[in-house]
Protein backbone atom coordinates (compact mmCIF):
# COMPACT_ATOMS: atom_id res chain seq x y z
CA MET A 1 6.06 -67.20 -29.69
CA PRO A 2 3.40 -69.32 -29.37
CA LEU A 3 0.45 -68.58 -31.25
CA ALA A 4 -2.75 -67.40 -28.35
CA PHE A 5 -5.16 -65.93 -27.87
CA ARG A 6 -8.42 -65.36 -25.85
CA ASP A 7 -10.99 -66.27 -25.35
CA THR A 8 -14.25 -65.27 -25.01
CA THR A 9 -16.52 -68.18 -24.89
CA ARG A 10 -15.28 -69.01 -21.01
CA PRO A 11 -14.59 -67.12 -18.30
CA MET A 12 -10.80 -67.76 -16.95
CA GLN A 13 -10.39 -69.13 -13.60
CA PRO A 14 -7.50 -67.95 -11.51
CA THR A 15 -4.38 -70.47 -10.95
CA THR A 16 -4.81 -72.23 -7.63
CA ASP A 17 -2.31 -74.43 -5.70
CA ALA A 18 -2.23 -76.65 -2.82
CA SER A 19 -2.34 -73.74 -0.43
CA ASN A 20 -5.35 -71.11 -1.20
CA THR A 21 -7.28 -74.65 -2.22
CA PRO A 22 -10.35 -73.49 -0.45
CA PRO A 23 -12.18 -76.51 2.13
CA PRO A 24 -14.91 -78.70 1.18
CA ALA A 25 -18.40 -77.40 1.55
CA PRO A 26 -20.63 -78.46 4.46
CA VAL A 27 -22.57 -81.05 4.30
CA ASP A 28 -25.89 -78.61 5.18
CA GLU A 29 -26.12 -76.25 2.41
CA PRO A 30 -28.96 -76.05 0.13
CA ILE A 31 -28.74 -78.39 -2.71
CA PRO A 32 -29.26 -77.20 -5.88
CA ALA A 33 -32.54 -76.91 -7.93
CA ARG A 34 -31.38 -80.14 -10.26
CA PHE A 35 -29.82 -82.56 -7.65
CA ALA A 36 -32.99 -81.57 -5.78
CA TYR A 37 -35.04 -82.96 -9.18
CA ASP A 38 -32.88 -85.75 -9.35
CA SER A 39 -33.91 -87.08 -6.04
CA LEU A 40 -37.53 -86.37 -6.56
CA VAL A 41 -37.90 -88.49 -9.63
CA LEU A 42 -35.65 -91.58 -8.12
CA MET A 43 -38.21 -90.93 -5.24
CA SER A 44 -41.25 -91.01 -7.55
CA GLN A 45 -40.01 -93.49 -9.57
CA ARG A 46 -39.18 -96.25 -6.37
CA MET A 47 -42.39 -95.14 -5.48
CA GLN A 48 -44.19 -96.22 -8.69
CA LEU A 49 -43.15 -99.65 -7.52
CA GLY A 50 -45.21 -99.65 -4.62
CA LEU A 51 -48.31 -98.07 -5.07
CA ALA A 52 -49.50 -101.33 -6.76
CA THR A 53 -48.59 -103.50 -3.30
CA TYR A 54 -51.31 -101.29 -1.11
CA PRO A 55 -54.58 -102.64 -2.68
CA VAL A 56 -52.94 -105.93 -3.91
CA ILE A 57 -51.62 -106.62 -0.28
CA TRP A 58 -55.72 -105.94 1.23
CA VAL A 59 -57.08 -107.96 -1.35
CA LEU A 60 -54.82 -110.87 0.17
CA LEU A 61 -55.55 -110.13 3.98
CA MET A 62 -59.47 -109.65 3.56
CA LEU A 63 -59.16 -113.02 1.36
CA GLN A 64 -57.59 -114.65 4.19
CA GLU A 65 -59.01 -118.49 5.26
CA GLY A 66 -61.24 -118.16 1.30
CA GLN A 67 -63.76 -115.73 2.90
CA PHE A 68 -64.39 -112.11 4.05
CA ARG A 69 -65.95 -112.84 7.31
CA GLY A 70 -68.61 -111.21 6.16
CA ARG A 71 -67.06 -107.88 5.87
CA THR A 72 -67.63 -107.86 2.29
CA ARG A 73 -68.28 -104.48 1.33
CA PHE A 74 -66.47 -102.76 3.24
CA ALA A 75 -62.80 -104.93 2.06
CA MET A 76 -64.18 -104.63 -1.61
CA GLY A 77 -65.30 -101.09 -0.76
CA ASN A 78 -61.59 -100.04 0.38
CA ALA A 79 -59.95 -102.47 -2.27
CA ALA A 80 -61.05 -100.05 -4.93
CA VAL A 81 -60.45 -96.63 -3.09
CA LEU A 82 -56.75 -98.00 -2.52
CA ALA A 83 -56.42 -99.14 -6.40
CA ILE A 84 -57.69 -95.81 -7.21
CA VAL A 85 -55.99 -93.70 -5.05
CA SER A 86 -53.19 -96.15 -6.55
CA PHE A 87 -53.18 -95.05 -10.05
CA GLY A 88 -54.02 -91.92 -9.77
CA ARG A 89 -50.47 -91.37 -7.88
CA PHE A 90 -48.72 -93.17 -10.42
CA VAL A 91 -50.15 -90.90 -12.74
CA LEU A 92 -49.72 -87.59 -11.21
CA HIS A 93 -46.12 -88.79 -10.24
CA ARG A 94 -45.82 -89.07 -14.51
CA GLN A 95 -46.92 -85.29 -14.67
CA LEU A 96 -45.42 -83.47 -11.71
CA LEU A 97 -41.97 -84.65 -13.18
CA LEU A 98 -42.67 -83.19 -16.44
CA LEU A 99 -42.34 -79.98 -14.64
CA GLY A 100 -39.33 -80.07 -14.76
CA ALA A 101 -36.45 -78.48 -12.28
CA GLU A 102 -37.17 -75.18 -11.67
CA GLN A 103 -41.16 -76.62 -9.85
CA VAL A 104 -39.05 -77.72 -7.35
CA PRO A 105 -41.24 -77.33 -3.97
CA ARG A 106 -44.09 -77.22 -6.10
CA ILE A 107 -43.43 -81.19 -7.14
CA ARG A 108 -42.12 -81.70 -3.09
CA MET A 109 -45.08 -80.40 -1.70
CA TRP A 110 -47.34 -82.06 -3.69
CA PHE A 111 -45.62 -85.70 -3.63
CA GLY A 112 -45.49 -84.96 -0.14
CA ALA A 113 -49.34 -84.63 0.38
CA LEU A 114 -50.27 -87.49 -1.57
CA SER A 115 -47.43 -90.02 0.20
CA MET A 116 -48.93 -88.40 3.43
CA ALA A 117 -52.75 -88.93 2.46
CA HIS A 118 -52.26 -91.90 1.43
CA ASN A 119 -50.11 -93.96 4.28
CA LEU A 120 -52.92 -92.08 6.82
CA TYR A 121 -55.39 -94.18 4.78
CA TRP A 122 -53.84 -97.19 5.11
CA GLY A 123 -52.98 -96.63 8.88
CA VAL A 124 -56.82 -96.03 9.44
CA LEU A 125 -57.18 -99.53 7.56
CA CYS A 126 -54.62 -100.44 10.42
CA ALA A 127 -56.68 -99.30 13.47
CA LEU A 128 -59.37 -100.02 12.27
CA VAL A 129 -58.61 -104.43 11.50
CA PHE A 130 -56.53 -104.46 14.09
CA CYS A 131 -58.82 -102.84 16.59
CA THR A 132 -62.54 -104.46 15.81
CA SER A 133 -61.30 -107.97 15.54
CA LEU A 134 -60.33 -110.60 18.17
CA ARG A 135 -56.54 -110.61 17.84
CA ASP A 136 -56.66 -112.85 15.08
CA ASN A 137 -54.09 -113.82 12.40
CA GLN A 138 -56.12 -111.55 9.77
CA SER A 139 -55.42 -108.53 12.12
CA TRP A 140 -51.73 -109.54 13.16
CA MET A 141 -51.02 -110.04 9.42
CA MET A 142 -52.76 -106.26 8.80
CA LEU A 143 -50.22 -105.27 11.25
CA VAL A 144 -46.96 -106.86 10.34
CA ALA A 145 -48.19 -105.52 6.48
CA THR A 146 -48.05 -101.67 7.96
CA VAL A 147 -44.83 -102.08 9.67
CA GLY A 148 -43.38 -104.04 6.63
CA ILE A 149 -44.98 -100.55 4.14
CA THR A 150 -43.51 -98.09 7.38
CA ALA A 151 -40.17 -99.74 6.63
CA GLY A 152 -39.90 -99.27 3.02
CA GLY A 153 -41.14 -96.10 2.74
CA THR A 154 -39.11 -94.79 4.73
CA VAL A 155 -36.25 -95.71 2.97
CA ILE A 156 -37.65 -94.49 -0.40
CA THR A 157 -38.65 -91.52 0.73
CA SER A 158 -35.14 -89.98 2.65
CA SER A 159 -34.24 -88.14 0.28
CA ASP A 160 -36.61 -86.33 1.32
CA PRO A 161 -36.13 -82.95 3.56
CA VAL A 162 -39.84 -83.54 5.74
CA LEU A 163 -41.63 -87.24 4.54
CA PRO A 164 -39.72 -89.44 6.43
CA ARG A 165 -40.06 -87.41 9.95
CA TYR A 166 -44.12 -88.13 9.54
CA TYR A 167 -44.09 -91.66 7.20
CA ALA A 168 -43.44 -94.14 10.34
CA LEU A 169 -46.29 -91.54 12.36
CA ALA A 170 -48.66 -91.34 9.37
CA THR A 171 -49.13 -95.50 8.87
CA LEU A 172 -48.50 -96.73 12.36
CA GLY A 173 -49.80 -93.72 14.36
CA PRO A 174 -53.78 -94.76 14.26
CA THR A 175 -53.46 -97.98 15.69
CA ALA A 176 -51.39 -97.06 18.67
CA LEU A 177 -53.63 -94.28 19.36
CA ALA A 178 -56.78 -96.72 18.60
CA LEU A 179 -54.85 -98.84 21.20
CA LEU A 180 -55.07 -96.27 24.46
CA PRO A 181 -58.60 -96.01 25.66
CA GLU A 182 -58.40 -100.52 25.56
CA GLY A 183 -55.60 -100.11 27.68
CA GLY A 184 -54.32 -104.22 29.31
CA TRP A 185 -50.79 -105.34 29.59
CA THR A 186 -50.72 -106.79 25.59
CA ASN A 187 -51.64 -102.89 24.08
CA VAL A 188 -49.17 -100.72 25.66
CA GLY A 189 -46.72 -103.77 25.04
CA ILE A 190 -48.05 -102.88 21.19
CA GLU A 191 -47.74 -98.96 21.60
CA GLY A 192 -44.48 -99.76 23.67
CA MET A 193 -42.97 -101.86 20.34
CA VAL A 194 -45.34 -99.41 17.82
CA ILE A 195 -43.48 -95.85 19.41
CA LEU A 196 -39.77 -96.94 19.46
CA LEU A 197 -40.56 -98.36 15.75
CA VAL A 198 -41.69 -94.46 15.31
CA LEU A 199 -38.65 -93.72 16.72
CA TYR A 200 -36.20 -95.85 15.02
CA SER A 201 -38.43 -95.35 11.60
CA ARG A 202 -37.19 -91.40 11.30
CA SER A 203 -33.42 -92.13 13.08
CA LEU A 204 -32.67 -94.18 9.61
CA ALA A 205 -34.57 -91.25 7.94
CA ARG A 206 -32.27 -88.78 9.55
CA ILE A 207 -29.45 -91.28 8.57
CA ALA A 208 -30.08 -91.79 5.34
CA ARG A 209 -31.07 -88.58 4.59
CA ARG A 210 -27.23 -87.01 5.74
CA ASP A 211 -25.76 -89.83 3.34
CA HIS A 212 -27.76 -88.43 0.68
CA ASP A 213 -27.17 -85.02 1.24
CA ALA A 214 -23.28 -85.80 2.20
CA ARG A 215 -23.04 -87.67 -1.69
CA ILE A 216 -24.67 -84.30 -3.95
CA GLN A 217 -22.79 -82.60 -1.81
CA ALA A 218 -18.92 -84.69 -2.97
CA GLN A 219 -20.42 -84.85 -5.80
CA ILE A 220 -20.54 -81.49 -6.87
CA GLN A 221 -17.32 -80.36 -5.17
CA LEU A 222 -15.87 -83.40 -8.01
CA GLU A 223 -17.57 -81.24 -10.84
CA GLN A 224 -16.40 -78.03 -9.01
CA ARG A 225 -12.88 -79.21 -9.62
CA ALA A 226 -13.58 -80.97 -12.84
CA LEU A 227 -14.17 -77.06 -13.99
CA GLU A 228 -11.18 -75.59 -12.52
CA LEU A 229 -8.76 -78.39 -13.73
CA GLU A 230 -10.09 -78.44 -17.08
CA ALA A 231 -10.32 -74.41 -16.98
CA LEU A 232 -6.23 -74.98 -16.13
CA SER A 233 -5.42 -77.05 -18.94
CA ARG A 234 -6.05 -74.31 -21.75
CA THR A 235 -5.29 -71.50 -19.94
CA ASP A 236 -1.04 -70.17 -19.79
CA ALA A 237 0.00 -69.45 -16.28
CA LEU A 238 1.99 -66.94 -17.02
CA THR A 239 -0.36 -65.14 -19.30
CA ARG A 240 -4.36 -66.26 -18.56
CA ILE A 241 -4.90 -66.00 -21.19
CA ALA A 242 -6.16 -69.57 -23.68
CA ASN A 243 -3.00 -72.16 -24.09
CA ARG A 244 -2.24 -73.77 -27.80
CA LEU A 245 -4.83 -76.72 -26.95
CA ARG A 246 -7.38 -74.38 -26.73
CA PHE A 247 -6.60 -72.59 -29.76
CA GLU A 248 -6.78 -75.59 -31.39
CA GLU A 249 -9.85 -76.82 -30.31
CA GLN A 250 -11.47 -73.33 -30.41
CA LEU A 251 -10.29 -73.33 -34.45
CA GLN A 252 -11.48 -76.61 -35.42
CA VAL A 253 -15.62 -74.92 -34.02
CA ASP A 254 -14.85 -71.87 -35.69
CA TRP A 255 -13.98 -73.52 -39.26
CA ARG A 256 -16.28 -76.01 -39.32
CA ARG A 257 -19.12 -73.05 -37.76
CA GLY A 258 -17.46 -71.21 -40.80
CA ALA A 259 -17.57 -73.64 -43.53
CA ARG A 260 -21.60 -74.25 -42.36
CA ARG A 261 -22.58 -70.47 -43.01
CA ASN A 262 -20.07 -69.92 -45.89
CA GLU A 263 -17.83 -67.23 -44.26
CA PRO A 264 -14.80 -66.74 -43.97
CA LEU A 265 -12.90 -66.85 -40.89
CA ALA A 266 -10.17 -64.52 -39.68
CA ILE A 267 -6.83 -64.95 -37.88
CA ALA A 268 -5.44 -62.45 -36.12
CA ILE A 269 -1.81 -62.71 -35.21
CA ILE A 270 0.75 -60.83 -32.44
CA ASP A 271 3.98 -61.06 -31.60
CA LEU A 272 4.99 -58.91 -28.95
CA ASP A 273 8.93 -57.40 -28.87
CA HIS A 274 11.27 -57.81 -26.20
CA PHE A 275 8.62 -60.48 -24.49
CA LYS A 276 12.36 -62.09 -23.00
CA ARG A 277 12.12 -59.46 -20.46
CA ILE A 278 8.17 -59.18 -19.35
CA ASN A 279 9.06 -63.19 -19.41
CA ASP A 280 12.26 -63.04 -16.77
CA GLN A 281 10.31 -60.36 -14.58
CA HIS A 282 7.06 -62.47 -13.68
């Protein structure tokens, strides 16, 4: 009979067919830590590309028409704060990613706290500029920039389960609240657009999050199926022990290990008498 042995390096998987193949896992299953960590790394990398835009946009808006309009200290002070916060987030993001996949809850908590604080600060600046000016080009440009930051941030943070729910609220909410006491149809219209944009951003983030989770679950199922097929290709269907392919692979590994350690290598050959009767019966 062909030479065979039991492989103790990996567990044997039961033979599967179309009748007992498990159904696909639901999309709302918990995401494994390594996939959640990969999502955080990708989100952090995307965030780092946009961190420098906050102080740059602020300075460009304050320099509109070549002057600070009598608010030099206000403009330069907030530009410095935005630059420091952006740089601090950049450094801290890189440090947090060194913690590894086992620290996913801690990393997610810090990412969420930093992002919410940063964008809430920007939202307050937008409310101050928009509500303390006379609705000039500068204030409208500030609101447009805030809408752009909200849209981009919603897409970037869509893989996070919590952050997209409050991202738009942090950037646009202060402006809507500041306009409430003023009244007037113009302010009501602006508040309505802000509320609609916040709701739309949350809906968009929910769809993106669902697609993200579905892709991860599909990848998990593909990896599991690949492991099962790999085990089946190296397992004899009748005896459930490693087949000739697995034997040759393991022999090469053990041969190189023995040569490297200068150790002998032994192979035990077992022959079963009257195996044909077993084969015919089973």
